[in-house]
Amino acid sequence: MNATPAPTEPAYRRLYWSGLAEGLSFLILLGIAMPLKYIAGKPEYVRVVGSLHGLLFVIYVLMAFAASRAGKWPAKELGLAVIAAVLPFGPFWFDARLKRLSHSQAAR
């Protein structure tokens, strides 16, 4: 990675918060709403949480593009951010990766 946005930069902060919201909504969808749909016969929870998660997913991807531009990331890093959005715990992993890379570059 050529550069990463520092944790204090607005693009990074927006990516962090959108990733936190998107990741939590995905876990709620998978861990609460889906079981309620299939075990308790309550599909309305999946509709509500799924719609919210979809919106948060789009916001996260847009914030990843913005952070990518701000940090001048290579295409591979942006690809990892987008792939992370479709995996449970992915946005949390990607945020930790950015922090590690940012700290390792600051140490140079």
PDB file of N, CA and C in Angstrom:
ATOM      1  N   MET A   1       0.848  -1.165   0.000  1.00  0.00           N
ATOM      2  CA  MET A   1       0.000   0.000   0.000  1.00  0.00           C
ATOM      3  C   MET A   1       0.894   1.228   0.000  1.00  0.00           C
ATOM      4  N   ASN A   2       0.608   2.145  -0.894  1.00  0.00           N
ATOM      5  CA  ASN A   2       1.411   3.346  -0.993  1.00  0.00           C
ATOM      6  C   ASN A   2       1.166   4.284   0.172  1.00  0.00           C
ATOM      7  N   ALA A   3      -0.081   4.521   0.470  1.00  0.00           N
ATOM      8  CA  ALA A   3      -0.429   5.428   1.560  1.00  0.00           C
ATOM      9  C   ALA A   3      -1.754   4.987   2.152  1.00  0.00           C
ATOM     10  N   THR A   4      -1.935   5.253   3.399  1.00  0.00           N
ATOM     11  CA  THR A   4      -3.221   4.995   4.033  1.00  0.00           C
ATOM     12  C   THR A   4      -3.669   6.276   4.700  1.00  0.00           C
ATOM     13  N   PRO A   5      -4.968   6.505   4.754  1.00  0.00           N
ATOM     14  CA  PRO A   5      -5.395   7.699   5.470  1.00  0.00           C
ATOM     15  C   PRO A   5      -5.110   7.536   6.953  1.00  0.00           C
ATOM     16  N   ALA A   6      -4.609   8.583   7.559  1.00  0.00           N
ATOM     17  CA  ALA A   6      -4.341   8.540   8.996  1.00  0.00           C
ATOM     18  C   ALA A   6      -5.672   8.475   9.750  1.00  0.00           C
ATOM     19  N   PRO A   7      -5.694   7.838  10.923  1.00  0.00           N
ATOM     20  CA  PRO A   7      -6.938   7.706  11.685  1.00  0.00           C
ATOM     21  C   PRO A   7      -7.621   9.026  12.014  1.00  0.00           C
ATOM     22  N   THR A   8      -6.929  10.143  11.901  1.00  0.00           N
ATOM     23  CA  THR A   8      -7.554  11.430  12.188  1.00  0.00           C
ATOM     24  C   THR A   8      -8.164  12.078  10.947  1.00  0.00           C
ATOM     25  N   GLU A   9      -7.893  11.560   9.781  1.00  0.00           N
ATOM     26  CA  GLU A   9      -8.407  12.154   8.548  1.00  0.00           C
ATOM     27  C   GLU A   9      -9.904  11.901   8.413  1.00  0.00           C
ATOM     28  N   PRO A  10     -10.642  12.875   7.896  1.00  0.00           N
ATOM     29  CA  PRO A  10     -12.095  12.719   7.742  1.00  0.00           C
ATOM     30  C   PRO A  10     -12.500  11.501   6.902  1.00  0.00           C
ATOM     31  N   ALA A  11     -11.783  11.219   5.833  1.00  0.00           N
ATOM     32  CA  ALA A  11     -12.136  10.078   4.985  1.00  0.00           C
ATOM     33  C   ALA A  11     -12.012   8.765   5.761  1.00  0.00           C
ATOM     34  N   TYR A  12     -10.970   8.659   6.572  1.00  0.00           N
ATOM     35  CA  TYR A  12     -10.787   7.453   7.373  1.00  0.00           C
ATOM     36  C   TYR A  12     -11.880   7.343   8.436  1.00  0.00           C
ATOM     37  N   ARG A  13     -12.183   8.459   9.092  1.00  0.00           N
ATOM     38  CA  ARG A  13     -13.218   8.429  10.139  1.00  0.00           C
ATOM     39  C   ARG A  13     -14.568   8.027   9.562  1.00  0.00           C
ATOM     40  N   ARG A  14     -14.912   8.558   8.398  1.00  0.00           N
ATOM     41  CA  ARG A  14     -16.186   8.182   7.765  1.00  0.00           C
ATOM     42  C   ARG A  14     -16.181   6.702   7.391  1.00  0.00           C
ATOM     43  N   LEU A  15     -15.053   6.209   6.888  1.00  0.00           N
ATOM     44  CA  LEU A  15     -14.955   4.788   6.561  1.00  0.00           C
ATOM     45  C   LEU A  15     -15.072   3.943   7.824  1.00  0.00           C
ATOM     46  N   TYR A  16     -14.416   4.351   8.890  1.00  0.00           N
ATOM     47  CA  TYR A  16     -14.483   3.612  10.152  1.00  0.00           C
ATOM     48  C   TYR A  16     -15.923   3.508  10.652  1.00  0.00           C
ATOM     49  N   TRP A  17     -16.614   4.652  10.755  1.00  0.00           N
ATOM     50  CA  TRP A  17     -17.968   4.648  11.307  1.00  0.00           C
ATOM     51  C   TRP A  17     -18.951   3.924  10.392  1.00  0.00           C
ATOM     52  N   SER A  18     -18.801   4.096   9.092  1.00  0.00           N
ATOM     53  CA  SER A  18     -19.704   3.371   8.186  1.00  0.00           C
ATOM     54  C   SER A  18     -19.414   1.876   8.234  1.00  0.00           C
ATOM     55  N   GLY A  19     -18.149   1.495   8.383  1.00  0.00           N
ATOM     56  CA  GLY A  19     -17.794   0.083   8.507  1.00  0.00           C
ATOM     57  C   GLY A  19     -18.324  -0.527   9.792  1.00  0.00           C
ATOM     58  N   LEU A  20     -18.259   0.232  10.864  1.00  0.00           N
ATOM     59  CA  LEU A  20     -18.800  -0.243  12.137  1.00  0.00           C
ATOM     60  C   LEU A  20     -20.305  -0.474  12.015  1.00  0.00           C
ATOM     61  N   ALA A  21     -21.011   0.496  11.456  1.00  0.00           N
ATOM     62  CA  ALA A  21     -22.470   0.362  11.295  1.00  0.00           C
ATOM     63  C   ALA A  21     -22.820  -0.778  10.345  1.00  0.00           C
ATOM     64  N   GLU A  22     -22.111  -0.871   9.230  1.00  0.00           N
ATOM     65  CA  GLU A  22     -22.395  -1.923   8.244  1.00  0.00           C
ATOM     66  C   GLU A  22     -22.093  -3.306   8.826  1.00  0.00           C
ATOM     67  N   GLY A  23     -20.971  -3.432   9.499  1.00  0.00           N
ATOM     68  CA  GLY A  23     -20.595  -4.714  10.086  1.00  0.00           C
ATOM     69  C   GLY A  23     -21.572  -5.163  11.163  1.00  0.00           C
ATOM     70  N   LEU A  24     -21.977  -4.230  12.022  1.00  0.00           N
ATOM     71  CA  LEU A  24     -22.945  -4.579  13.065  1.00  0.00           C
ATOM     72  C   LEU A  24     -24.306  -4.936  12.473  1.00  0.00           C
ATOM     73  N   SER A  25     -24.734  -4.194  11.448  1.00  0.00           N
ATOM     74  CA  SER A  25     -26.030  -4.505  10.837  1.00  0.00           C
ATOM     75  C   SER A  25     -26.013  -5.889  10.191  1.00  0.00           C
ATOM     76  N   PHE A  26     -24.875  -6.262   9.611  1.00  0.00           N
ATOM     77  CA  PHE A  26     -24.755  -7.590   8.990  1.00  0.00           C
ATOM     78  C   PHE A  26     -24.832  -8.679  10.056  1.00  0.00           C
ATOM     79  N   LEU A  27     -24.148  -8.460  11.167  1.00  0.00           N
ATOM     80  CA  LEU A  27     -24.190  -9.451  12.243  1.00  0.00           C
ATOM     81  C   LEU A  27     -25.584  -9.556  12.855  1.00  0.00           C
ATOM     82  N   ILE A  28     -26.275  -8.433  12.984  1.00  0.00           N
ATOM     83  CA  ILE A  28     -27.651  -8.459  13.489  1.00  0.00           C
ATOM     84  C   ILE A  28     -28.562  -9.186  12.510  1.00  0.00           C
ATOM     85  N   LEU A  29     -28.357  -8.927  11.226  1.00  0.00           N
ATOM     86  CA  LEU A  29     -29.147  -9.615  10.207  1.00  0.00           C
ATOM     87  C   LEU A  29     -28.937 -11.128  10.276  1.00  0.00           C
ATOM     88  N   LEU A  30     -27.670 -11.544  10.320  1.00  0.00           N
ATOM     89  CA  LEU A  30     -27.370 -12.980  10.342  1.00  0.00           C
ATOM     90  C   LEU A  30     -27.674 -13.646  11.681  1.00  0.00           C
ATOM     91  N   GLY A  31     -27.392 -12.937  12.774  1.00  0.00           N
ATOM     92  CA  GLY A  31     -27.494 -13.562  14.085  1.00  0.00           C
ATOM     93  C   GLY A  31     -28.817 -13.405  14.801  1.00  0.00           C
ATOM     94  N   ILE A  32     -29.598 -12.418  14.414  1.00  0.00           N
ATOM     95  CA  ILE A  32     -30.869 -12.188  15.101  1.00  0.00           C
ATOM     96  C   ILE A  32     -32.052 -12.266  14.137  1.00  0.00           C
ATOM     97  N   ALA A  33     -32.022 -11.441  13.084  1.00  0.00           N
ATOM     98  CA  ALA A  33     -33.169 -11.366  12.179  1.00  0.00           C
ATOM     99  C   ALA A  33     -33.418 -12.683  11.429  1.00  0.00           C
ATOM    100  N   MET A  34     -32.360 -13.296  10.904  1.00  0.00           N
ATOM    101  CA  MET A  34     -32.554 -14.558  10.170  1.00  0.00           C
ATOM    102  C   MET A  34     -33.080 -15.674  11.079  1.00  0.00           C
ATOM    103  N   PRO A  35     -32.509 -15.872  12.276  1.00  0.00           N
ATOM    104  CA  PRO A  35     -33.093 -16.880  13.162  1.00  0.00           C
ATOM    105  C   PRO A  35     -34.551 -16.573  13.523  1.00  0.00           C
ATOM    106  N   LEU A  36     -34.880 -15.289  13.736  1.00  0.00           N
ATOM    107  CA  LEU A  36     -36.270 -14.947  14.035  1.00  0.00           C
ATOM    108  C   LEU A  36     -37.189 -15.276  12.852  1.00  0.00           C
ATOM    109  N   LYS A  37     -36.684 -15.113  11.661  1.00  0.00           N
ATOM    110  CA  LYS A  37     -37.486 -15.430  10.478  1.00  0.00           C
ATOM    111  C   LYS A  37     -37.775 -16.929  10.415  1.00  0.00           C
ATOM    112  N   TYR A  38     -36.728 -17.731  10.569  1.00  0.00           N
ATOM    113  CA  TYR A  38     -36.891 -19.169  10.366  1.00  0.00           C
ATOM    114  C   TYR A  38     -37.345 -19.933  11.608  1.00  0.00           C
ATOM    115  N   ILE A  39     -37.017 -19.460  12.789  1.00  0.00           N
ATOM    116  CA  ILE A  39     -37.404 -20.164  14.009  1.00  0.00           C
ATOM    117  C   ILE A  39     -38.740 -19.656  14.545  1.00  0.00           C
ATOM    118  N   ALA A  40     -38.911 -18.330  14.548  1.00  0.00           N
ATOM    119  CA  ALA A  40     -40.122 -17.747  15.125  1.00  0.00           C
ATOM    120  C   ALA A  40     -41.146 -17.337  14.070  1.00  0.00           C
ATOM    121  N   GLY A  41     -40.823 -17.533  12.786  1.00  0.00           N
ATOM    122  CA  GLY A  41     -41.763 -17.165  11.728  1.00  0.00           C
ATOM    123  C   GLY A  41     -42.029 -15.673  11.642  1.00  0.00           C
ATOM    124  N   LYS A  42     -40.998 -14.863  11.832  1.00  0.00           N
ATOM    125  CA  LYS A  42     -41.131 -13.399  11.819  1.00  0.00           C
ATOM    126  C   LYS A  42     -40.293 -12.806  10.676  1.00  0.00           C
ATOM    127  N   PRO A  43     -40.742 -12.919   9.424  1.00  0.00           N
ATOM    128  CA  PRO A  43     -39.954 -12.415   8.298  1.00  0.00           C
ATOM    129  C   PRO A  43     -39.819 -10.891   8.261  1.00  0.00           C
ATOM    130  N   GLU A  44     -40.681 -10.178   8.975  1.00  0.00           N
ATOM    131  CA  GLU A  44     -40.610  -8.719   8.949  1.00  0.00           C
ATOM    132  C   GLU A  44     -39.291  -8.185   9.501  1.00  0.00           C
ATOM    133  N   TYR A  45     -38.653  -8.939  10.416  1.00  0.00           N
ATOM    134  CA  TYR A  45     -37.365  -8.502  10.945  1.00  0.00           C
ATOM    135  C   TYR A  45     -36.294  -8.506   9.869  1.00  0.00           C
ATOM    136  N   VAL A  46     -36.326  -9.500   9.002  1.00  0.00           N
ATOM    137  CA  VAL A  46     -35.354  -9.565   7.916  1.00  0.00           C
ATOM    138  C   VAL A  46     -35.599  -8.422   6.931  1.00  0.00           C
ATOM    139  N   ARG A  47     -36.861  -8.113   6.663  1.00  0.00           N
ATOM    140  CA  ARG A  47     -37.147  -6.995   5.753  1.00  0.00           C
ATOM    141  C   ARG A  47     -36.591  -5.688   6.290  1.00  0.00           C
ATOM    142  N   VAL A  48     -36.829  -5.420   7.564  1.00  0.00           N
ATOM    143  CA  VAL A  48     -36.388  -4.157   8.160  1.00  0.00           C
ATOM    144  C   VAL A  48     -34.864  -4.113   8.281  1.00  0.00           C
ATOM    145  N   VAL A  49     -34.290  -5.119   8.928  1.00  0.00           N
ATOM    146  CA  VAL A  49     -32.843  -5.125   9.143  1.00  0.00           C
ATOM    147  C   VAL A  49     -32.109  -5.280   7.808  1.00  0.00           C
ATOM    148  N   GLY A  50     -32.661  -6.089   6.910  1.00  0.00           N
ATOM    149  CA  GLY A  50     -32.037  -6.274   5.598  1.00  0.00           C
ATOM    150  C   GLY A  50     -32.010  -4.984   4.795  1.00  0.00           C
ATOM    151  N   SER A  51     -33.074  -4.215   4.843  1.00  0.00           N
ATOM    152  CA  SER A  51     -33.112  -2.929   4.136  1.00  0.00           C
ATOM    153  C   SER A  51     -32.099  -1.950   4.726  1.00  0.00           C
ATOM    154  N   LEU A  52     -32.058  -1.884   6.046  1.00  0.00           N
ATOM    155  CA  LEU A  52     -31.088  -1.010   6.703  1.00  0.00           C
ATOM    156  C   LEU A  52     -29.664  -1.449   6.363  1.00  0.00           C
ATOM    157  N   HIS A  53     -29.420  -2.734   6.420  1.00  0.00           N
ATOM    158  CA  HIS A  53     -28.091  -3.246   6.095  1.00  0.00           C
ATOM    159  C   HIS A  53     -27.715  -2.909   4.651  1.00  0.00           C
ATOM    160  N   GLY A  54     -28.652  -3.048   3.740  1.00  0.00           N
ATOM    161  CA  GLY A  54     -28.375  -2.716   2.335  1.00  0.00           C
ATOM    162  C   GLY A  54     -27.957  -1.266   2.169  1.00  0.00           C
ATOM    163  N   LEU A  55     -28.658  -0.365   2.837  1.00  0.00           N
ATOM    164  CA  LEU A  55     -28.300   1.048   2.792  1.00  0.00           C
ATOM    165  C   LEU A  55     -26.908   1.278   3.384  1.00  0.00           C
ATOM    166  N   LEU A  56     -26.638   0.666   4.526  1.00  0.00           N
ATOM    167  CA  LEU A  56     -25.332   0.823   5.170  1.00  0.00           C
ATOM    168  C   LEU A  56     -24.211   0.210   4.332  1.00  0.00           C
ATOM    169  N   PHE A  57     -24.508  -0.866   3.616  1.00  0.00           N
ATOM    170  CA  PHE A  57     -23.527  -1.481   2.716  1.00  0.00           C
ATOM    171  C   PHE A  57     -23.134  -0.490   1.619  1.00  0.00           C
ATOM    172  N   VAL A  58     -24.123   0.134   1.008  1.00  0.00           N
ATOM    173  CA  VAL A  58     -23.853   1.106  -0.064  1.00  0.00           C
ATOM    174  C   VAL A  58     -23.034   2.276   0.480  1.00  0.00           C
ATOM    175  N   ILE A  59     -23.399   2.766   1.658  1.00  0.00           N
ATOM    176  CA  ILE A  59     -22.653   3.871   2.267  1.00  0.00           C
ATOM    177  C   ILE A  59     -21.216   3.455   2.530  1.00  0.00           C
ATOM    178  N   TYR A  60     -21.014   2.239   3.057  1.00  0.00           N
ATOM    179  CA  TYR A  60     -19.652   1.757   3.341  1.00  0.00           C
ATOM    180  C   TYR A  60     -18.819   1.689   2.062  1.00  0.00           C
ATOM    181  N   VAL A  61     -19.389   1.161   1.006  1.00  0.00           N
ATOM    182  CA  VAL A  61     -18.640   1.056  -0.256  1.00  0.00           C
ATOM    183  C   VAL A  61     -18.295   2.452  -0.781  1.00  0.00           C
ATOM    184  N   LEU A  62     -19.232   3.388  -0.693  1.00  0.00           N
ATOM    185  CA  LEU A  62     -18.938   4.759  -1.123  1.00  0.00           C
ATOM    186  C   LEU A  62     -17.829   5.378  -0.270  1.00  0.00           C
ATOM    187  N   MET A  63     -17.861   5.128   1.032  1.00  0.00           N
ATOM    188  CA  MET A  63     -16.819   5.661   1.916  1.00  0.00           C
ATOM    189  C   MET A  63     -15.468   4.997   1.635  1.00  0.00           C
ATOM    190  N   ALA A  64     -15.494   3.721   1.244  1.00  0.00           N
ATOM    191  CA  ALA A  64     -14.249   3.043   0.877  1.00  0.00           C
ATOM    192  C   ALA A  64     -13.641   3.684  -0.371  1.00  0.00           C
ATOM    193  N   PHE A  65     -14.486   4.009  -1.347  1.00  0.00           N
ATOM    194  CA  PHE A  65     -13.994   4.695  -2.543  1.00  0.00           C
ATOM    195  C   PHE A  65     -13.415   6.059  -2.174  1.00  0.00           C
ATOM    196  N   ALA A  66     -14.100   6.786  -1.300  1.00  0.00           N
ATOM    197  CA  ALA A  66     -13.618   8.113  -0.888  1.00  0.00           C
ATOM    198  C   ALA A  66     -12.286   8.006  -0.142  1.00  0.00           C
ATOM    199  N   ALA A  67     -12.179   7.050   0.775  1.00  0.00           N
ATOM    200  CA  ALA A  67     -10.931   6.863   1.521  1.00  0.00           C
ATOM    201  C   ALA A  67      -9.816   6.403   0.588  1.00  0.00           C
ATOM    202  N   SER A  68     -10.173   5.593  -0.398  1.00  0.00           N
ATOM    203  CA  SER A  68      -9.197   5.126  -1.373  1.00  0.00           C
ATOM    204  C   SER A  68      -8.607   6.303  -2.151  1.00  0.00           C
ATOM    205  N   ARG A  69      -9.470   7.206  -2.551  1.00  0.00           N
ATOM    206  CA  ARG A  69      -8.983   8.397  -3.269  1.00  0.00           C
ATOM    207  C   ARG A  69      -8.140   9.272  -2.360  1.00  0.00           C
ATOM    208  N   ALA A  70      -8.607   9.477  -1.131  1.00  0.00           N
ATOM    209  CA  ALA A  70      -7.878  10.339  -0.191  1.00  0.00           C
ATOM    210  C   ALA A  70      -6.517   9.753   0.157  1.00  0.00           C
ATOM    211  N   GLY A  71      -6.461   8.431   0.303  1.00  0.00           N
ATOM    212  CA  GLY A  71      -5.214   7.773   0.680  1.00  0.00           C
ATOM    213  C   GLY A  71      -4.383   7.301  -0.492  1.00  0.00           C
ATOM    214  N   LYS A  72      -4.888   7.501  -1.713  1.00  0.00           N
ATOM    215  CA  LYS A  72      -4.182   7.051  -2.925  1.00  0.00           C
ATOM    216  C   LYS A  72      -3.830   5.566  -2.844  1.00  0.00           C
ATOM    217  N   TRP A  73      -4.851   4.753  -2.473  1.00  0.00           N
ATOM    218  CA  TRP A  73      -4.641   3.318  -2.345  1.00  0.00           C
ATOM    219  C   TRP A  73      -4.482   2.677  -3.717  1.00  0.00           C
ATOM    220  N   PRO A  74      -3.739   1.591  -3.790  1.00  0.00           N
ATOM    221  CA  PRO A  74      -3.744   0.799  -5.019  1.00  0.00           C
ATOM    222  C   PRO A  74      -5.101   0.086  -5.149  1.00  0.00           C
ATOM    223  N   ALA A  75      -5.425  -0.322  -6.355  1.00  0.00           N
ATOM    224  CA  ALA A  75      -6.718  -0.969  -6.618  1.00  0.00           C
ATOM    225  C   ALA A  75      -6.924  -2.197  -5.740  1.00  0.00           C
ATOM    226  N   LYS A  76      -5.859  -2.922  -5.443  1.00  0.00           N
ATOM    227  CA  LYS A  76      -5.968  -4.128  -4.605  1.00  0.00           C
ATOM    228  C   LYS A  76      -6.553  -3.790  -3.229  1.00  0.00           C
ATOM    229  N   GLU A  77      -6.127  -2.676  -2.653  1.00  0.00           N
ATOM    230  CA  GLU A  77      -6.599  -2.306  -1.311  1.00  0.00           C
ATOM    231  C   GLU A  77      -8.081  -1.940  -1.345  1.00  0.00           C
ATOM    232  N   LEU A  78      -8.487  -1.222  -2.368  1.00  0.00           N
ATOM    233  CA  LEU A  78      -9.906  -0.898  -2.514  1.00  0.00           C
ATOM    234  C   LEU A  78     -10.710  -2.178  -2.712  1.00  0.00           C
ATOM    235  N   GLY A  79     -10.173  -3.109  -3.492  1.00  0.00           N
ATOM    236  CA  GLY A  79     -10.840  -4.399  -3.682  1.00  0.00           C
ATOM    237  C   GLY A  79     -11.019  -5.142  -2.370  1.00  0.00           C
ATOM    238  N   LEU A  80      -9.996  -5.106  -1.524  1.00  0.00           N
ATOM    239  CA  LEU A  80     -10.102  -5.754  -0.206  1.00  0.00           C
ATOM    240  C   LEU A  80     -11.188  -5.098   0.647  1.00  0.00           C
ATOM    241  N   ALA A  81     -11.295  -3.782   0.562  1.00  0.00           N
ATOM    242  CA  ALA A  81     -12.329  -3.075   1.327  1.00  0.00           C
ATOM    243  C   ALA A  81     -13.716  -3.511   0.886  1.00  0.00           C
ATOM    244  N   VAL A  82     -13.917  -3.639  -0.422  1.00  0.00           N
ATOM    245  CA  VAL A  82     -15.228  -4.035  -0.945  1.00  0.00           C
ATOM    246  C   VAL A  82     -15.522  -5.497  -0.605  1.00  0.00           C
ATOM    247  N   ILE A  83     -14.534  -6.362  -0.736  1.00  0.00           N
ATOM    248  CA  ILE A  83     -14.725  -7.780  -0.379  1.00  0.00           C
ATOM    249  C   ILE A  83     -15.040  -7.900   1.111  1.00  0.00           C
ATOM    250  N   ALA A  84     -14.358  -7.100   1.930  1.00  0.00           N
ATOM    251  CA  ALA A  84     -14.600  -7.135   3.376  1.00  0.00           C
ATOM    252  C   ALA A  84     -16.057  -6.808   3.698  1.00  0.00           C
ATOM    253  N   ALA A  85     -16.686  -5.996   2.880  1.00  0.00           N
ATOM    254  CA  ALA A  85     -18.074  -5.590   3.140  1.00  0.00           C
ATOM    255  C   ALA A  85     -19.062  -6.740   2.995  1.00  0.00           C
ATOM    256  N   VAL A  86     -18.702  -7.776   2.279  1.00  0.00           N
ATOM    257  CA  VAL A  86     -19.642  -8.892   2.080  1.00  0.00           C
ATOM    258  C   VAL A  86     -19.343 -10.077   2.997  1.00  0.00           C
ATOM    259  N   LEU A  87     -18.372  -9.933   3.875  1.00  0.00           N
ATOM    260  CA  LEU A  87     -18.014 -11.008   4.804  1.00  0.00           C
ATOM    261  C   LEU A  87     -18.391 -10.627   6.228  1.00  0.00           C
ATOM    262  N   PRO A  88     -18.935 -11.573   6.999  1.00  0.00           N
ATOM    263  CA  PRO A  88     -19.171 -11.269   8.416  1.00  0.00           C
ATOM    264  C   PRO A  88     -17.839 -10.888   9.081  1.00  0.00           C
ATOM    265  N   PHE A  89     -17.833  -9.860   9.857  1.00  0.00           N
ATOM    266  CA  PHE A  89     -16.655  -9.319  10.535  1.00  0.00           C
ATOM    267  C   PHE A  89     -15.647  -8.686   9.576  1.00  0.00           C
ATOM    268  N   GLY A  90     -15.941  -8.665   8.279  1.00  0.00           N
ATOM    269  CA  GLY A  90     -15.015  -8.125   7.281  1.00  0.00           C
ATOM    270  C   GLY A  90     -14.651  -6.664   7.495  1.00  0.00           C
ATOM    271  N   PRO A  91     -15.618  -5.772   7.710  1.00  0.00           N
ATOM    272  CA  PRO A  91     -15.244  -4.375   7.929  1.00  0.00           C
ATOM    273  C   PRO A  91     -14.370  -4.172   9.166  1.00  0.00           C
ATOM    274  N   PHE A  92     -14.561  -4.997  10.186  1.00  0.00           N
ATOM    275  CA  PHE A  92     -13.736  -4.894  11.395  1.00  0.00           C
ATOM    276  C   PHE A  92     -12.303  -5.321  11.088  1.00  0.00           C
ATOM    277  N   TRP A  93     -12.161  -6.398  10.309  1.00  0.00           N
ATOM    278  CA  TRP A  93     -10.836  -6.866   9.892  1.00  0.00           C
ATOM    279  C   TRP A  93     -10.150  -5.793   9.046  1.00  0.00           C
ATOM    280  N   PHE A  94     -10.889  -5.206   8.103  1.00  0.00           N
ATOM    281  CA  PHE A  94     -10.290  -4.220   7.213  1.00  0.00           C
ATOM    282  C   PHE A  94      -9.854  -2.981   7.993  1.00  0.00           C
ATOM    283  N   ASP A  95     -10.643  -2.552   8.958  1.00  0.00           N
ATOM    284  CA  ASP A  95     -10.256  -1.409   9.774  1.00  0.00           C
ATOM    285  C   ASP A  95      -8.974  -1.708  10.549  1.00  0.00           C
ATOM    286  N   ALA A  96      -8.886  -2.896  11.125  1.00  0.00           N
ATOM    287  CA  ALA A  96      -7.665  -3.277  11.856  1.00  0.00           C
ATOM    288  C   ALA A  96      -6.469  -3.301  10.904  1.00  0.00           C
ATOM    289  N   ARG A  97      -6.688  -3.756   9.669  1.00  0.00           N
ATOM    290  CA  ARG A  97      -5.621  -3.772   8.662  1.00  0.00           C
ATOM    291  C   ARG A  97      -5.142  -2.347   8.365  1.00  0.00           C
ATOM    292  N   LEU A  98      -6.088  -1.437   8.180  1.00  0.00           N
ATOM    293  CA  LEU A  98      -5.709  -0.047   7.913  1.00  0.00           C
ATOM    294  C   LEU A  98      -4.909   0.535   9.074  1.00  0.00           C
ATOM    295  N   LYS A  99      -5.330   0.249  10.289  1.00  0.00           N
ATOM    296  CA  LYS A  99      -4.609   0.775  11.454  1.00  0.00           C
ATOM    297  C   LYS A  99      -3.193   0.219  11.513  1.00  0.00           C
ATOM    298  N   ARG A 100      -3.055  -1.090  11.254  1.00  0.00           N
ATOM    299  CA  ARG A 100      -1.722  -1.699  11.241  1.00  0.00           C
ATOM    300  C   ARG A 100      -0.837  -1.055  10.184  1.00  0.00           C
ATOM    301  N   LEU A 101      -1.364  -0.914   8.978  1.00  0.00           N
ATOM    302  CA  LEU A 101      -0.593  -0.331   7.882  1.00  0.00           C
ATOM    303  C   LEU A 101      -0.242   1.120   8.174  1.00  0.00           C
ATOM    304  N   SER A 102      -1.172   1.854   8.744  1.00  0.00           N
ATOM    305  CA  SER A 102      -0.934   3.255   9.072  1.00  0.00           C
ATOM    306  C   SER A 102       0.167   3.373  10.132  1.00  0.00           C
ATOM    307  N   HIS A 103       0.102   2.502  11.145  1.00  0.00           N
ATOM    308  CA  HIS A 103       1.128   2.540  12.193  1.00  0.00           C
ATOM    309  C   HIS A 103       2.488   2.108  11.669  1.00  0.00           C
ATOM    310  N   SER A 104       2.516   1.113  10.795  1.00  0.00           N
ATOM    311  CA  SER A 104       3.803   0.650  10.262  1.00  0.00           C
ATOM    312  C   SER A 104       4.438   1.716   9.370  1.00  0.00           C
ATOM    313  N   GLN A 105       3.598   2.471   8.641  1.00  0.00           N
ATOM    314  CA  GLN A 105       4.142   3.557   7.807  1.00  0.00           C
ATOM    315  C   GLN A 105       4.610   4.714   8.670  1.00  0.00           C
ATOM    316  N   ALA A 106       3.922   4.969   9.764  1.00  0.00           N
ATOM    317  CA  ALA A 106       4.321   6.069  10.650  1.00  0.00           C
ATOM    318  C   ALA A 106       5.650   5.752  11.336  1.00  0.00           C
ATOM    319  N   ALA A 107       5.937   4.466  11.538  1.00  0.00           N
ATOM    320  CA  ALA A 107       7.164   4.062  12.204  1.00  0.00           C
ATOM    321  C   ALA A 107       8.387   4.181  11.293  1.00  0.00           C
ATOM    322  N   ARG A 108       8.142   4.300   9.983  1.00  0.00           N
ATOM    323  CA  ARG A 108       9.273   4.373   9.044  1.00  0.00           C
ATOM    324  C   ARG A 108       9.969   5.691   9.097  1.00  0.00           C
TER     325      ARG A 108
END
